[in-house]
């Protein structure tokens, strides 16, 4: 891995959580939805960073809360 936090077209993974930044509001909103609902659907245009938001933002926060994750794609 380089020192740059930018991955360009590659999606961030849970291992990139420490360099994933700038989406705290979205992560908090998604985390709240996931914790309050049995089913949460995230949809947006292609290329907006949905996968990165889930993998590098949401999943690490759920793991800190010791909550298991089941994803449907």
Protein backbone atom coordinates (compact mmCIF):
# COMPACT_ATOMS: atom_id res chain seq x y z
CA UNK A 1 0.00 0.00 0.00
CA UNK A 2 1.19 3.50 -0.78
CA UNK A 3 1.01 6.46 1.57
CA UNK A 4 -1.86 7.95 -0.43
CA UNK A 5 -5.39 7.51 0.96
CA UNK A 6 -6.82 7.68 -2.57
CA UNK A 7 -7.62 4.42 -4.33
CA UNK A 8 -9.24 6.03 -7.39
CA UNK A 9 -11.52 3.39 -8.95
CA UNK A 10 -10.72 0.62 -6.47
CA UNK A 11 -13.23 0.15 -3.65
CA UNK A 12 -12.03 0.57 -0.09
CA UNK A 13 -12.19 -2.51 2.14
CA UNK A 14 -12.51 -2.96 5.89
CA UNK A 15 -8.71 -3.00 6.02
CA UNK A 16 -8.72 0.57 4.66
CA UNK A 17 -10.93 1.93 7.43
CA UNK A 18 -8.12 4.01 8.92
CA UNK A 19 -7.57 5.89 5.65
CA UNK A 20 -11.26 6.14 4.66
CA UNK A 21 -12.43 9.66 5.49
CA UNK A 22 -14.94 12.35 4.64
CA UNK A 23 -18.11 10.27 4.96
CA UNK A 24 -18.73 10.39 8.71
CA UNK A 25 -22.28 11.74 8.41
CA UNK A 26 -23.23 9.05 5.92
CA UNK A 27 -21.63 6.32 8.05
CA UNK A 28 -23.47 7.50 11.17
CA UNK A 29 -26.80 7.62 9.33
CA UNK A 30 -26.29 4.18 7.80
CA UNK A 31 -25.14 2.72 11.13
CA UNK A 32 -28.26 4.11 12.82
CA UNK A 33 -30.49 2.63 10.11
CA UNK A 34 -28.82 -0.77 10.37
CA UNK A 35 -29.10 -0.84 14.16
CA UNK A 36 -32.76 0.18 14.11
CA UNK A 37 -34.04 -1.98 11.25
CA UNK A 38 -33.99 -5.65 10.36
CA UNK A 39 -33.45 -4.73 6.72
CA UNK A 40 -31.55 -1.77 5.36
CA UNK A 41 -31.27 -1.06 1.64
CA UNK A 42 -28.61 1.30 0.35
CA UNK A 43 -29.07 2.49 -3.19
CA UNK A 44 -27.47 5.23 -5.24
CA UNK A 45 -25.96 5.81 -8.64
CA UNK A 46 -23.10 3.68 -9.86
CA UNK A 47 -19.71 5.00 -8.77
CA UNK A 48 -20.87 6.95 -5.73
CA UNK A 49 -18.94 4.81 -3.23
CA UNK A 50 -21.63 2.56 -1.78
CA UNK A 51 -19.30 -0.43 -1.51
CA UNK A 52 -16.55 1.62 0.11
CA UNK A 53 -19.05 3.17 2.53
CA UNK A 54 -20.18 -0.27 3.65
CA UNK A 55 -16.81 -2.02 3.69
CA UNK A 56 -14.55 0.71 5.08
CA UNK A 57 -17.11 2.73 7.00
CA UNK A 58 -20.00 0.63 8.26
CA UNK A 59 -18.47 -2.82 8.77
CA UNK A 60 -15.58 -1.66 11.00
CA UNK A 61 -18.03 0.23 13.22
CA UNK A 62 -20.29 -2.79 13.48
CA UNK A 63 -17.29 -4.95 14.35
CA UNK A 64 -16.34 -2.53 17.13
CA UNK A 65 -19.84 -3.06 18.53
CA UNK A 66 -19.35 -6.84 18.14
CA UNK A 67 -22.29 -7.09 15.74
CA UNK A 68 -22.23 -9.74 13.02
CA UNK A 69 -22.68 -8.65 9.43
CA UNK A 70 -24.66 -10.32 6.63
CA UNK A 71 -24.56 -8.61 3.25
CA UNK A 72 -26.71 -9.15 0.17
CA UNK A 73 -25.48 -7.75 -3.11
